[in-house]
Amino acid sequence: MLQTNPNFSRCWLAVVGATVFACLGLGPAGTFTGTFNCFAQENNAPPAGYRTLFNGRDLSGWTALETQDPRVTSALSAEEKQKLLSAGEAAMKKFWRVEDGVIVNDGEGPFLSTLEDFGDFELWIDYKTVAQADSGIYLKATPQVQIWDFTEAGGKWNIGADKGSGGLWNNSPGAAGKDPLVLADKPFGEWNRFRIRQIGSRTSIWLNDKLVVDHAVMENYWGDRKLPLVAKGPIQLQTHGGQICWKNIFVREIPADEANQVLAQAGADGFQSIFNGKDLQGWKGAVDGYEVVDGALRCQAGHGGTLHTAKEYGDFAVRFEFKLPPAGNNGLAIRYPGEGDAAYVAMCELQVLDSEHPNYATLDSRQYHGSAYGMAAAARGYHRPTGEWNFQEVTVKGSTIKVELNGTVILNTDLSKITDYMANSPHPGKDRASGYFGFAGHNDPVEFRRIEIKELK
């Protein structure tokens, strides 16, 4: 955990090579060890591996913005964005100030917002507030990591304030993360410290060294709440009545390999490897169309077909990493009968596609990555850059399919309710209750590794 030892002037371990994992509480394979060996620096100086978002002197790198849907903001023209930033600069000067290395707001005005957007990141931030105050931290311009008066006198025990700060307050009632796991607030007048890690929408929060949110999905708040959290957005400091102060604001972008390791570690119980990284033992079908290269299963260029498991599955979850070449195209055969076109004779083919490549600019929305081909469209924009490894988990239960890509759920659908099909082409296999799992190759050298499956009862 983050240390409370007063010696905050150094980090125990340099962030180089494998030692970065030890410094961040990760073992040699990226597994979380349960402790953090870096001391956070004081006086707004970042610890090794982090950079500061607040220099302790002024509000460079920040603006003040009225809260709004980040999808609306991103759709603004360049001229409209400039007007927004100009108004934000004026509002920031009016309502926000720096005093003795501390950002101060008296409970009024628009939210302080980074000019920079963040995707997968880790944030350390200290705050201090007063009785009856209500504040929070918006991640990717979305509410919020809750900060409020946790005492009965604060008057909000009826809506959960007695549980303390740090929860994802705008998650649905009963959803993971909405309420903090423990009460971790310090008394008013003392500084509190958050450590927040967000990979996709998967969010973990430590308040004063205590885990209060454990790898929960941060739900989208804006418009259609079924849409996922945006892939990138600013960090915003809320003001909502009562003075709040901030300092020691540090951020670290999380690289893809580390993000994949964190995602793979979470919920790993019960998963069994179905690919040994050496050969195609345990696989059937188009074995001549695939090869094993550097521990990865790769569709041979110019070849393809459906390579599938020797075992059939009913309800299951499967997780793996994949890497796309430019314009790469493959698919996941779900409950495949062993022969035929997986897109139609299987329950479905889930697309594996370099969706943003110009070659695919005019596809039907049900043909992009993660979609149940021809039946249900997945959300776009959550791939890592082409050539990097992505982490994906697919859950199949009854007639439902959920696809989580790099920590964000991009498809959550019930195929039994689908009545509209691309090109009016029927999908006779969509009601299958069992079948093989496999990869439907389409001539491109798409790679897969660390393939694990769990049968669901």
Protein backbone atom coordinates (compact mmCIF):
# COMPACT_ATOMS: atom_id res chain seq x y z
CA MET A 1 0.00 0.00 0.00
CA LEU A 2 0.99 3.64 -0.21
CA GLN A 3 3.22 4.37 2.73
CA THR A 4 2.44 6.89 5.47
CA ASN A 5 6.05 7.06 6.67
CA PRO A 6 7.09 10.74 6.83
CA ASN A 7 10.12 10.10 4.65
CA PHE A 8 8.46 10.98 1.36
CA SER A 9 11.59 12.31 -0.31
CA ARG A 10 12.52 9.27 -2.34
CA CYS A 11 11.26 6.09 -3.99
CA TRP A 12 12.72 2.80 -2.82
CA LEU A 13 13.12 1.42 -6.30
CA ALA A 14 14.11 3.01 -9.59
CA VAL A 15 11.55 2.59 -12.32
CA VAL A 16 13.63 0.66 -14.80
CA GLY A 17 13.08 -2.76 -16.29
CA ALA A 18 11.56 -5.25 -13.89
CA THR A 19 11.92 -2.91 -10.93
CA VAL A 20 9.04 -0.76 -12.12
CA PHE A 21 6.77 -3.68 -11.25
CA ALA A 22 8.15 -3.94 -7.74
CA CYS A 23 7.78 -0.20 -7.26
CA LEU A 24 4.14 -0.39 -8.32
CA GLY A 25 3.34 -3.47 -6.26
CA LEU A 26 3.63 -5.87 -9.20
CA GLY A 27 5.60 -9.09 -9.17
CA PRO A 28 7.90 -10.25 -11.98
CA ALA A 29 4.94 -11.47 -14.07
CA GLY A 30 2.95 -8.34 -13.40
CA THR A 31 0.89 -9.89 -10.59
CA PHE A 32 -0.19 -7.54 -7.83
CA THR A 33 1.70 -8.20 -4.60
CA GLY A 34 -0.55 -6.15 -2.33
CA THR A 35 1.98 -3.47 -1.37
CA PHE A 36 3.29 -0.29 -2.94
CA ASN A 37 6.95 0.36 -2.34
CA CYS A 38 7.12 3.93 -3.64
CA PHE A 39 6.71 6.86 -1.33
CA ALA A 40 4.62 9.66 -2.82
CA GLN A 41 6.63 12.84 -2.90
CA GLU A 42 5.49 15.93 -1.06
CA ASN A 43 5.55 19.54 -2.25
CA ASN A 44 4.09 18.56 -5.65
CA ALA A 45 7.23 16.70 -6.77
CA PRO A 46 6.29 13.41 -8.47
CA PRO A 47 7.71 10.02 -7.48
CA ALA A 48 9.71 8.03 -10.02
CA GLY A 49 7.64 6.93 -12.99
CA TYR A 50 5.03 9.67 -12.55
CA ARG A 51 4.74 13.23 -13.80
CA THR A 52 3.07 16.13 -12.11
CA LEU A 53 -0.22 17.64 -13.26
CA PHE A 54 0.12 20.56 -10.83
CA ASN A 55 3.41 22.40 -10.52
CA GLY A 56 2.60 23.95 -7.14
CA ARG A 57 2.83 27.49 -8.46
CA ASP A 58 0.01 28.10 -10.94
CA LEU A 59 -2.69 26.33 -12.94
CA SER A 60 -0.70 25.69 -16.10
CA GLY A 61 -2.14 22.70 -17.95
CA TRP A 62 -5.64 23.24 -16.55
CA THR A 63 -8.84 25.04 -17.48
CA ALA A 64 -12.32 25.29 -15.95
CA LEU A 65 -15.25 23.65 -17.73
CA GLU A 66 -18.93 23.24 -17.14
CA THR A 67 -19.64 19.54 -16.99
CA GLN A 68 -20.94 18.00 -20.21
CA ASP A 69 -20.90 14.78 -22.19
CA PRO A 70 -17.33 14.28 -23.47
CA ARG A 71 -18.77 12.92 -26.73
CA VAL A 72 -20.43 16.31 -27.23
CA THR A 73 -17.18 18.11 -26.45
CA SER A 74 -15.16 15.98 -28.88
CA ALA A 75 -17.67 16.70 -31.65
CA LEU A 76 -17.20 20.48 -31.40
CA SER A 77 -15.51 22.34 -34.20
CA ALA A 78 -12.06 23.83 -33.65
CA GLU A 79 -13.62 27.26 -33.33
CA GLU A 80 -16.17 26.05 -30.78
CA LYS A 81 -13.48 24.34 -28.74
CA GLN A 82 -11.40 27.50 -28.68
CA LYS A 83 -14.37 29.50 -27.39
CA LEU A 84 -14.90 26.88 -24.70
CA LEU A 85 -11.26 27.08 -23.63
CA SER A 86 -11.29 30.89 -23.59
CA ALA A 87 -14.36 30.93 -21.36
CA GLY A 88 -12.76 28.25 -19.20
CA GLU A 89 -9.61 30.29 -18.72
CA ALA A 90 -11.63 33.23 -17.44
CA ALA A 91 -13.70 31.04 -15.13
CA MET A 92 -10.60 29.34 -13.75
CA LYS A 93 -9.08 32.70 -12.81
CA LYS A 94 -12.32 33.70 -11.08
CA PHE A 95 -13.06 30.59 -9.05
CA TRP A 96 -9.78 28.70 -8.62
CA ARG A 97 -6.52 29.83 -7.05
CA VAL A 98 -3.17 28.56 -5.79
CA GLU A 99 -2.09 29.27 -2.22
CA ASP A 100 1.16 27.94 -0.74
CA GLY A 101 1.41 25.05 -3.19
CA VAL A 102 -2.27 24.11 -2.87
CA ILE A 103 -5.15 24.43 -5.34
CA VAL A 104 -8.12 26.02 -3.56
CA ASN A 105 -11.79 26.35 -4.51
CA ASP A 106 -14.49 27.74 -2.23
CA GLY A 107 -17.32 25.58 -3.56
CA GLU A 108 -18.38 27.57 -6.60
CA GLY A 109 -17.74 27.71 -10.33
CA PRO A 110 -17.10 25.18 -13.07
CA PHE A 111 -14.84 22.18 -12.54
CA LEU A 112 -11.07 22.35 -12.86
CA SER A 113 -10.14 20.21 -15.86
CA THR A 114 -6.88 19.00 -17.34
CA LEU A 115 -6.23 20.19 -20.87
CA GLU A 116 -4.85 16.72 -21.56
CA ASP A 117 -6.91 13.58 -22.09
CA PHE A 118 -6.05 10.24 -20.49
CA GLY A 119 -6.84 6.63 -21.39
CA ASP A 120 -5.22 3.97 -19.19
CA PHE A 121 -3.63 5.74 -16.25
CA GLU A 122 -2.81 5.83 -12.58
CA LEU A 123 -3.50 9.00 -10.58
CA TRP A 124 -2.25 10.02 -7.15
CA ILE A 125 -3.94 13.05 -5.63
CA ASP A 126 -4.29 14.59 -2.17
CA TYR A 127 -7.36 16.50 -1.02
CA LYS A 128 -8.66 18.24 2.09
CA THR A 129 -12.21 19.44 2.59
CA VAL A 130 -14.60 20.76 5.23
CA ALA A 131 -17.82 19.66 6.92
CA GLN A 132 -20.89 19.43 4.65
CA ALA A 133 -18.78 19.78 1.52
CA ASP A 134 -19.49 17.64 -1.53
CA SER A 135 -16.94 17.12 -4.26
CA GLY A 136 -15.41 14.44 -6.44
CA ILE A 137 -13.04 13.52 -9.23
CA TYR A 138 -14.35 13.05 -12.76
CA LEU A 139 -12.46 10.43 -14.78
CA LYS A 140 -12.53 10.87 -18.55
CA ALA A 141 -14.92 13.79 -17.94
CA THR A 142 -17.40 11.40 -16.31
CA PRO A 143 -18.74 11.43 -12.72
CA GLN A 144 -17.31 10.42 -10.39
CA VAL A 145 -15.08 9.32 -7.56
CA GLN A 146 -17.16 10.64 -4.68
CA ILE A 147 -15.86 12.95 -1.96
CA TRP A 148 -18.26 14.08 0.76
CA ASP A 149 -19.00 14.60 4.43
CA PHE A 150 -19.16 11.08 5.88
CA THR A 151 -20.52 12.17 9.26
CA GLU A 152 -24.17 12.02 10.31
CA ALA A 153 -24.12 15.79 10.71
CA GLY A 154 -23.43 16.07 6.99
CA GLY A 155 -27.03 15.09 6.36
CA LYS A 156 -26.47 12.53 3.59
CA TRP A 157 -26.43 9.21 5.37
CA ASN A 158 -29.73 8.46 3.65
CA ILE A 159 -27.93 8.32 0.31
CA GLY A 160 -24.83 6.48 1.46
CA ALA A 161 -22.47 9.10 2.86
CA ASP A 162 -22.01 6.97 5.98
CA LYS A 163 -20.03 4.52 3.81
CA GLY A 164 -17.42 7.20 3.13
CA SER A 165 -15.70 8.65 0.09
CA GLY A 166 -14.11 6.95 -2.88
CA GLY A 167 -17.07 5.14 -4.43
CA LEU A 168 -18.19 5.47 -8.04
CA TRP A 169 -21.25 7.37 -6.98
CA ASN A 170 -22.98 7.50 -10.37
CA ASN A 171 -22.87 3.77 -10.97
CA SER A 172 -26.27 2.05 -10.91
CA PRO A 173 -27.74 1.08 -7.53
CA GLY A 174 -26.22 -2.21 -6.43
CA ALA A 175 -23.50 -2.11 -9.07
CA ALA A 176 -19.93 -2.95 -8.08
CA GLY A 177 -17.98 0.14 -7.06
CA LYS A 178 -20.94 2.40 -6.30
CA ASP A 179 -20.31 2.16 -2.56
CA PRO A 180 -16.78 2.05 -1.13
CA LEU A 181 -15.70 -1.26 0.37
CA VAL A 182 -14.56 0.38 3.62
CA LEU A 183 -14.80 3.75 5.34
CA ALA A 184 -11.37 5.31 4.81
CA ASP A 185 -11.87 9.08 5.23
CA LYS A 186 -9.68 11.02 7.60
CA PRO A 187 -11.14 13.68 9.95
CA PHE A 188 -11.85 17.10 8.48
CA GLY A 189 -8.77 19.28 8.38
CA GLU A 190 -6.47 16.38 7.51
CA TRP A 191 -5.17 15.54 4.07
CA ASN A 192 -6.52 12.45 2.32
CA ARG A 193 -4.74 10.61 -0.47
CA PHE A 194 -6.29 8.83 -3.42
CA ARG A 195 -4.58 6.36 -5.69
CA ILE A 196 -6.81 5.71 -8.71
CA ARG A 197 -6.07 3.21 -11.47
CA GLN A 198 -8.24 3.08 -14.55
CA ILE A 199 -7.77 0.67 -17.45
CA GLY A 200 -10.57 1.10 -19.97
CA SER A 201 -13.56 1.44 -17.67
CA ARG A 202 -12.10 -0.94 -15.06
CA THR A 203 -11.42 1.20 -12.00
CA SER A 204 -9.61 0.49 -8.75
CA ILE A 205 -9.38 3.10 -6.00
CA TRP A 206 -7.34 3.27 -2.81
CA LEU A 207 -8.15 5.97 -0.25
CA ASN A 208 -5.58 6.50 2.48
CA ASP A 209 -3.97 3.13 1.66
CA LYS A 210 -7.29 1.23 1.83
CA LEU A 211 -8.86 -0.45 -1.20
CA VAL A 212 -12.33 1.08 -1.61
CA VAL A 213 -13.14 0.10 -5.23
CA ASP A 214 -11.83 -3.16 -6.67
CA HIS A 215 -11.62 -3.37 -10.47
CA ALA A 216 -15.19 -2.19 -10.95
CA VAL A 217 -16.61 -0.97 -14.24
CA MET A 218 -17.14 2.78 -14.18
CA GLU A 219 -20.45 3.26 -15.94
CA ASN A 220 -21.14 5.88 -18.56
CA TYR A 221 -23.26 8.67 -17.12
CA TRP A 222 -24.05 10.63 -20.24
CA GLY A 223 -26.99 10.21 -22.64
CA ASP A 224 -27.53 6.55 -23.42
CA ARG A 225 -26.13 4.89 -20.32
CA LYS A 226 -25.78 1.62 -22.20
CA LEU A 227 -22.87 3.18 -24.07
CA PRO A 228 -19.46 2.50 -22.53
CA LEU A 229 -17.23 5.06 -20.87
CA VAL A 230 -15.31 7.06 -23.47
CA ALA A 231 -11.85 5.74 -24.29
CA LYS A 232 -10.07 8.98 -23.32
CA GLY A 233 -10.94 12.15 -21.52
CA PRO A 234 -9.73 14.77 -19.04
CA ILE A 235 -9.42 14.47 -15.27
CA GLN A 236 -11.71 16.99 -13.59
CA LEU A 237 -11.85 18.24 -10.00
CA GLN A 238 -15.41 18.90 -8.91
CA THR A 239 -16.63 21.76 -6.77
CA HIS A 240 -20.08 21.30 -5.33
CA GLY A 241 -20.40 23.35 -2.18
CA GLY A 242 -17.82 23.87 0.56
CA GLN A 243 -14.13 24.60 0.26
CA ILE A 244 -11.88 21.90 -1.14
CA CYS A 245 -8.10 21.89 -1.51
CA TRP A 246 -5.86 19.75 -3.73
CA LYS A 247 -2.14 19.08 -4.00
CA ASN A 248 0.39 16.40 -5.01
CA ILE A 249 -1.38 15.54 -8.28
CA PHE A 250 0.66 12.94 -10.18
CA VAL A 251 -0.18 10.76 -13.16
CA ARG A 252 1.36 7.78 -14.91
CA GLU A 253 0.18 6.42 -18.24
CA ILE A 254 -0.11 2.63 -18.08
CA PRO A 255 1.54 0.83 -21.04
CA ALA A 256 -0.35 -1.89 -22.92
CA ASP A 257 1.61 -4.86 -21.57
CA GLU A 258 1.07 -3.81 -17.96
CA ALA A 259 -2.60 -3.04 -18.61
CA ASN A 260 -3.09 -6.49 -20.11
CA GLN A 261 -1.43 -8.10 -17.10
CA VAL A 262 -3.70 -6.26 -14.68
CA LEU A 263 -6.79 -7.23 -16.67
CA ALA A 264 -5.67 -10.86 -16.91
CA GLN A 265 -5.03 -11.10 -13.18
CA ALA A 266 -8.49 -9.87 -12.23
CA GLY A 267 -11.06 -12.64 -12.02
CA ALA A 268 -8.56 -15.25 -13.18
CA ASP A 269 -9.89 -18.04 -10.95
CA GLY A 270 -11.27 -20.98 -12.88
CA PHE A 271 -9.71 -20.19 -16.24
CA GLN A 272 -7.73 -22.98 -17.90
CA SER A 273 -5.25 -22.61 -20.75
CA ILE A 274 -6.36 -24.18 -24.04
CA PHE A 275 -3.24 -23.24 -26.04
CA ASN A 276 0.20 -24.44 -24.98
CA GLY A 277 2.16 -21.86 -26.97
CA LYS A 278 4.11 -24.60 -28.77
CA ASP A 279 1.83 -26.49 -31.15
CA LEU A 280 -1.82 -27.13 -32.04
CA GLN A 281 -2.39 -29.96 -29.62
CA GLY A 282 -6.07 -29.90 -28.57
CA TRP A 283 -7.20 -28.07 -31.73
CA LYS A 284 -9.05 -29.33 -34.79
CA GLY A 285 -10.35 -28.01 -38.08
CA ALA A 286 -8.14 -25.71 -40.17
CA VAL A 287 -4.87 -26.78 -38.54
CA ASP A 288 -3.03 -26.26 -41.83
CA GLY A 289 -4.12 -22.63 -41.94
CA TYR A 290 -2.50 -21.66 -38.65
CA GLU A 291 1.01 -21.71 -37.19
CA VAL A 292 2.69 -21.10 -33.84
CA VAL A 293 5.20 -18.26 -33.85
CA ASP A 294 6.99 -16.98 -30.71
CA GLY A 295 4.38 -18.51 -28.45
CA ALA A 296 1.44 -17.07 -30.38
CA LEU A 297 -1.16 -18.73 -32.55
CA ARG A 298 -1.13 -17.02 -35.96
CA CYS A 299 -3.33 -17.38 -39.00
CA GLN A 300 -1.03 -17.93 -41.97
CA ALA A 301 -1.09 -15.13 -44.52
CA GLY A 302 -3.21 -16.14 -47.47
CA HIS A 303 -4.83 -18.97 -45.53
CA GLY A 304 -7.60 -19.29 -43.02
CA GLY A 305 -10.59 -21.42 -42.19
CA THR A 306 -11.95 -22.15 -38.73
CA LEU A 307 -9.54 -23.62 -36.20
CA HIS A 308 -11.51 -24.88 -33.22
CA THR A 309 -11.16 -26.67 -29.90
CA ALA A 310 -11.53 -30.42 -29.65
CA LYS A 311 -14.00 -29.92 -26.81
CA GLU A 312 -17.49 -28.45 -27.04
CA TYR A 313 -18.72 -25.79 -24.63
CA GLY A 314 -22.12 -24.56 -23.54
CA ASP A 315 -21.88 -21.53 -21.29
CA PHE A 316 -18.32 -20.28 -20.97
CA ALA A 317 -15.97 -17.32 -20.69
CA VAL A 318 -12.85 -17.08 -22.82
CA ARG A 319 -10.02 -14.57 -22.52
CA PHE A 320 -6.99 -14.01 -24.67
CA GLU A 321 -4.67 -11.42 -26.17
CA PHE A 322 -4.68 -10.62 -29.88
CA LYS A 323 -2.59 -8.51 -32.22
CA LEU A 324 -3.77 -7.19 -35.57
CA PRO A 325 -1.69 -6.36 -38.62
CA PRO A 326 -2.88 -3.35 -40.65
CA ALA A 327 -6.36 -4.17 -42.03
CA GLY A 328 -6.26 -7.51 -40.20
CA ASN A 329 -9.43 -9.61 -40.17
CA ASN A 330 -10.33 -12.73 -38.19
CA GLY A 331 -13.19 -13.86 -35.98
CA LEU A 332 -14.23 -15.87 -32.96
CA ALA A 333 -16.40 -18.88 -33.70
CA ILE A 334 -18.89 -19.21 -30.84
CA ARG A 335 -20.62 -22.56 -30.32
CA TYR A 336 -19.39 -23.69 -33.73
CA PRO A 337 -20.77 -27.04 -35.03
CA GLY A 338 -17.45 -28.08 -36.62
CA GLU A 339 -18.09 -27.19 -40.24
CA GLY A 340 -19.58 -24.40 -42.32
CA ASP A 341 -19.39 -20.60 -42.14
CA ALA A 342 -19.12 -19.66 -38.48
CA ALA A 343 -20.92 -16.36 -39.06
CA TYR A 344 -24.12 -18.26 -39.84
CA VAL A 345 -23.97 -21.88 -38.64
CA ALA A 346 -22.41 -21.12 -35.25
CA MET A 347 -24.20 -19.15 -32.55
CA CYS A 348 -22.27 -16.26 -34.06
CA GLU A 349 -18.91 -15.07 -35.28
CA LEU A 350 -17.54 -12.25 -33.17
CA GLN A 351 -15.50 -9.97 -35.37
CA VAL A 352 -11.76 -9.49 -34.83
CA LEU A 353 -10.94 -6.57 -37.09
CA ASP A 354 -8.71 -3.54 -37.52
CA SER A 355 -11.89 -1.49 -37.55
CA GLU A 356 -10.39 1.95 -38.09
CA HIS A 357 -8.40 0.99 -41.18
CA PRO A 358 -9.53 2.95 -44.27
CA ASN A 359 -10.37 -0.31 -46.01
CA TYR A 360 -13.32 -0.71 -43.67
CA ALA A 361 -14.69 2.83 -43.65
CA THR A 362 -18.07 1.88 -45.15
CA LEU A 363 -18.93 -1.39 -43.42
CA ASP A 364 -22.26 -2.11 -41.81
CA SER A 365 -21.98 -1.28 -38.08
CA ARG A 366 -22.50 -5.00 -37.34
CA GLN A 367 -19.25 -5.90 -39.10
CA TYR A 368 -16.79 -4.01 -36.88
CA HIS A 369 -14.61 -5.46 -34.14
CA GLY A 370 -16.47 -7.21 -31.33
CA SER A 371 -19.77 -7.30 -33.19
CA ALA A 372 -21.86 -10.44 -33.52
CA TYR A 373 -21.41 -10.51 -37.27
CA GLY A 374 -24.49 -9.26 -39.09
CA MET A 375 -26.61 -9.19 -35.92
CA ALA A 376 -25.41 -6.87 -33.14
CA ALA A 377 -23.01 -3.93 -33.36
CA ALA A 378 -20.23 -3.37 -30.83
CA ALA A 379 -18.98 0.03 -29.67
CA ARG A 380 -15.95 1.27 -31.58
CA GLY A 381 -12.78 3.09 -30.62
CA TYR A 382 -11.38 0.82 -27.90
CA HIS A 383 -8.55 -0.95 -29.76
CA ARG A 384 -4.95 -0.35 -28.87
CA PRO A 385 -2.87 0.98 -31.78
CA THR A 386 -2.46 -1.52 -34.59
CA GLY A 387 0.48 -3.82 -33.86
CA GLU A 388 0.01 -3.78 -30.06
CA TRP A 389 -1.45 -6.63 -28.04
CA ASN A 390 -5.07 -6.23 -26.95
CA PHE A 391 -6.79 -8.06 -24.10
CA GLN A 392 -10.31 -9.39 -24.65
CA GLU A 393 -12.77 -11.43 -22.61
CA VAL A 394 -15.97 -12.93 -24.00
CA THR A 395 -18.75 -14.31 -21.81
CA VAL A 396 -21.41 -16.58 -23.32
CA LYS A 397 -24.40 -17.48 -21.13
CA GLY A 398 -27.55 -18.88 -22.68
CA SER A 399 -28.47 -16.58 -25.55
CA THR A 400 -26.42 -13.64 -24.22
CA ILE A 401 -22.93 -12.53 -25.23
CA LYS A 402 -20.73 -9.93 -23.57
CA VAL A 403 -17.47 -8.71 -25.09
CA GLU A 404 -14.99 -6.73 -22.98
CA LEU A 405 -12.07 -5.21 -24.89
CA ASN A 406 -9.12 -3.71 -23.01
CA GLY A 407 -11.23 -3.18 -19.91
CA THR A 408 -14.33 -1.79 -21.64
CA VAL A 409 -17.55 -3.69 -22.40
CA ILE A 410 -18.18 -3.04 -26.09
CA LEU A 411 -21.01 -5.53 -26.63
CA ASN A 412 -23.66 -6.86 -24.27
CA THR A 413 -26.53 -8.41 -26.18
CA ASP A 414 -29.14 -11.15 -26.22
CA LEU A 415 -29.15 -12.86 -29.61
CA SER A 416 -32.56 -14.41 -28.96
CA LYS A 417 -34.03 -10.91 -29.27
CA ILE A 418 -32.37 -10.10 -32.61
CA THR A 419 -34.84 -9.88 -35.48
CA ASP A 420 -33.05 -7.52 -37.87
CA TYR A 421 -30.16 -9.06 -39.81
CA MET A 422 -27.62 -7.51 -42.14
CA ALA A 423 -28.71 -7.99 -45.76
CA ASN A 424 -31.73 -9.92 -44.40
CA SER A 425 -29.49 -12.97 -44.19
CA PRO A 426 -30.75 -15.53 -41.65
CA HIS A 427 -28.47 -16.90 -38.94
CA PRO A 428 -29.78 -20.42 -38.38
CA GLY A 429 -27.10 -21.23 -35.79
CA LYS A 430 -27.79 -18.34 -33.40
CA ASP A 431 -29.91 -20.44 -31.05
CA ARG A 432 -27.30 -23.15 -30.59
CA ALA A 433 -26.82 -24.10 -26.94
CA SER A 434 -23.35 -25.64 -27.31
CA GLY A 435 -20.49 -26.09 -29.75
CA TYR A 436 -16.79 -25.56 -30.26
CA PHE A 437 -14.84 -22.38 -29.67
CA GLY A 438 -12.51 -21.33 -32.45
CA PHE A 439 -10.85 -18.75 -34.68
CA ALA A 440 -12.28 -17.99 -38.11
CA GLY A 441 -9.34 -16.90 -40.25
CA HIS A 442 -9.67 -14.68 -43.30
CA ASN A 443 -6.19 -14.78 -44.88
CA ASP A 444 -4.58 -12.20 -42.57
CA PRO A 445 -1.79 -12.97 -40.05
CA VAL A 446 -3.78 -12.08 -36.93
CA GLU A 447 -2.13 -13.44 -33.76
CA PHE A 448 -3.58 -14.82 -30.52
CA ARG A 449 -1.88 -15.83 -27.27
CA ARG A 450 -2.60 -16.63 -23.61
CA ILE A 451 -5.91 -18.25 -24.58
CA GLU A 452 -7.86 -19.40 -21.53
CA ILE A 453 -11.40 -20.67 -21.06
CA LYS A 454 -13.71 -21.22 -18.12
CA GLU A 455 -16.88 -23.27 -18.20
CA LEU A 456 -19.80 -21.56 -16.51
CA LYS A 457 -22.35 -23.51 -14.51
